[in-house]
Amino acid sequence: MNATHTPIFITREKGSDSGVYPLRDDELVLLKELREMLPESKYIFVSERGEVMSTDAVRKLLGRLAAQAGLDIISKFTVT
């Protein structure tokens, strides 16, 4: 499978390094769908109240979703 990639710029806050990251076309489509759901928010991951989620809350959410999908999370950066 040879997927094309689109670079996007990610602005990180609280001292982390911002930068350009590649996204596959299917990932970009999903991010655009999320953006359409919350056009006024500058964040992708928001709580049910529309507020920004903490990194810990996002990590827990992704862990639960990975478990439901039958994926093993080795670290916060790797999903197998």
Protein backbone atom coordinates (compact mmCIF):
# COMPACT_ATOMS: atom_id res chain seq x y z
CA MET A 1 0.00 0.00 0.00
CA ASN A 2 1.45 3.33 -1.06
CA ALA A 3 -0.39 6.15 0.68
CA THR A 4 0.27 9.79 -0.11
CA HIS A 5 1.10 12.15 2.72
CA THR A 6 0.14 15.76 3.35
CA PRO A 7 2.29 17.83 5.70
CA ILE A 8 0.49 19.78 8.42
CA PHE A 9 1.90 22.22 10.95
CA ILE A 10 1.15 21.37 14.58
CA THR A 11 1.37 24.21 17.09
CA ARG A 12 2.31 22.84 20.48
CA GLU A 13 1.85 24.77 23.68
CA LYS A 14 3.59 24.83 27.05
CA GLY A 15 7.15 24.69 25.75
CA SER A 16 6.90 21.71 23.41
CA ASP A 17 8.34 21.92 19.92
CA SER A 18 5.92 22.83 17.13
CA GLY A 19 6.62 21.38 13.72
CA VAL A 20 5.49 19.85 10.45
CA TYR A 21 4.15 16.30 10.52
CA PRO A 22 3.02 14.04 7.67
CA LEU A 23 -0.60 12.84 7.58
CA ARG A 24 -2.00 10.18 5.28
CA ASP A 25 -4.91 11.27 3.15
CA ASP A 26 -7.40 9.19 5.17
CA GLU A 27 -6.17 10.82 8.39
CA LEU A 28 -6.55 14.27 6.86
CA VAL A 29 -10.15 13.47 5.84
CA LEU A 30 -10.98 12.43 9.40
CA LEU A 31 -9.41 15.59 10.86
CA LYS A 32 -11.44 17.72 8.45
CA GLU A 33 -14.60 15.92 9.59
CA LEU A 34 -13.70 16.67 13.22
CA ARG A 35 -13.10 20.31 12.34
CA GLU A 36 -16.54 20.53 10.73
CA MET A 37 -18.11 19.21 13.94
CA LEU A 38 -16.47 21.97 16.02
CA PRO A 39 -15.70 24.86 13.66
CA GLU A 40 -15.25 27.43 16.44
CA SER A 41 -12.74 25.39 18.49
CA LYS A 42 -9.01 25.72 17.97
CA TYR A 43 -8.58 22.24 19.48
CA ILE A 44 -9.18 18.79 17.99
CA PHE A 45 -9.69 16.88 21.23
CA VAL A 46 -12.38 18.52 23.34
CA SER A 47 -14.51 17.32 26.23
CA GLU A 48 -18.26 16.83 26.04
CA ARG A 49 -18.54 20.43 27.26
CA GLY A 50 -16.43 21.68 24.36
CA GLU A 51 -13.40 22.46 26.53
CA VAL A 52 -9.85 21.42 25.73
CA MET A 53 -8.95 17.95 27.03
CA SER A 54 -5.81 17.45 29.09
CA THR A 55 -3.05 15.30 27.65
CA ASP A 56 -3.80 12.71 30.32
CA ALA A 57 -7.49 12.61 29.34
CA VAL A 58 -6.56 12.17 25.66
CA ARG A 59 -4.09 9.40 26.57
CA LYS A 60 -6.76 7.57 28.61
CA LEU A 61 -9.33 7.96 25.83
CA LEU A 62 -6.93 6.60 23.21
CA GLY A 63 -6.02 3.73 25.55
CA ARG A 64 -9.69 2.75 25.93
CA LEU A 65 -10.31 3.02 22.18
CA ALA A 66 -7.19 0.98 21.39
CA ALA A 67 -8.31 -1.74 23.82
CA GLN A 68 -11.77 -1.83 22.21
CA ALA A 69 -10.09 -2.18 18.80
CA GLY A 70 -7.87 -4.99 20.05
CA LEU A 71 -4.64 -2.99 19.80
CA ASP A 72 -1.80 -3.17 22.31
CA ILE A 73 -0.26 0.13 23.37
CA ILE A 74 3.43 -0.29 24.10
CA SER A 75 4.07 3.33 25.03
CA LYS A 76 2.28 6.64 24.66
CA PHE A 77 3.87 6.91 21.20
CA THR A 78 3.48 3.37 19.83
CA VAL A 79 0.41 1.33 18.97
CA THR A 80 0.79 -2.18 17.59
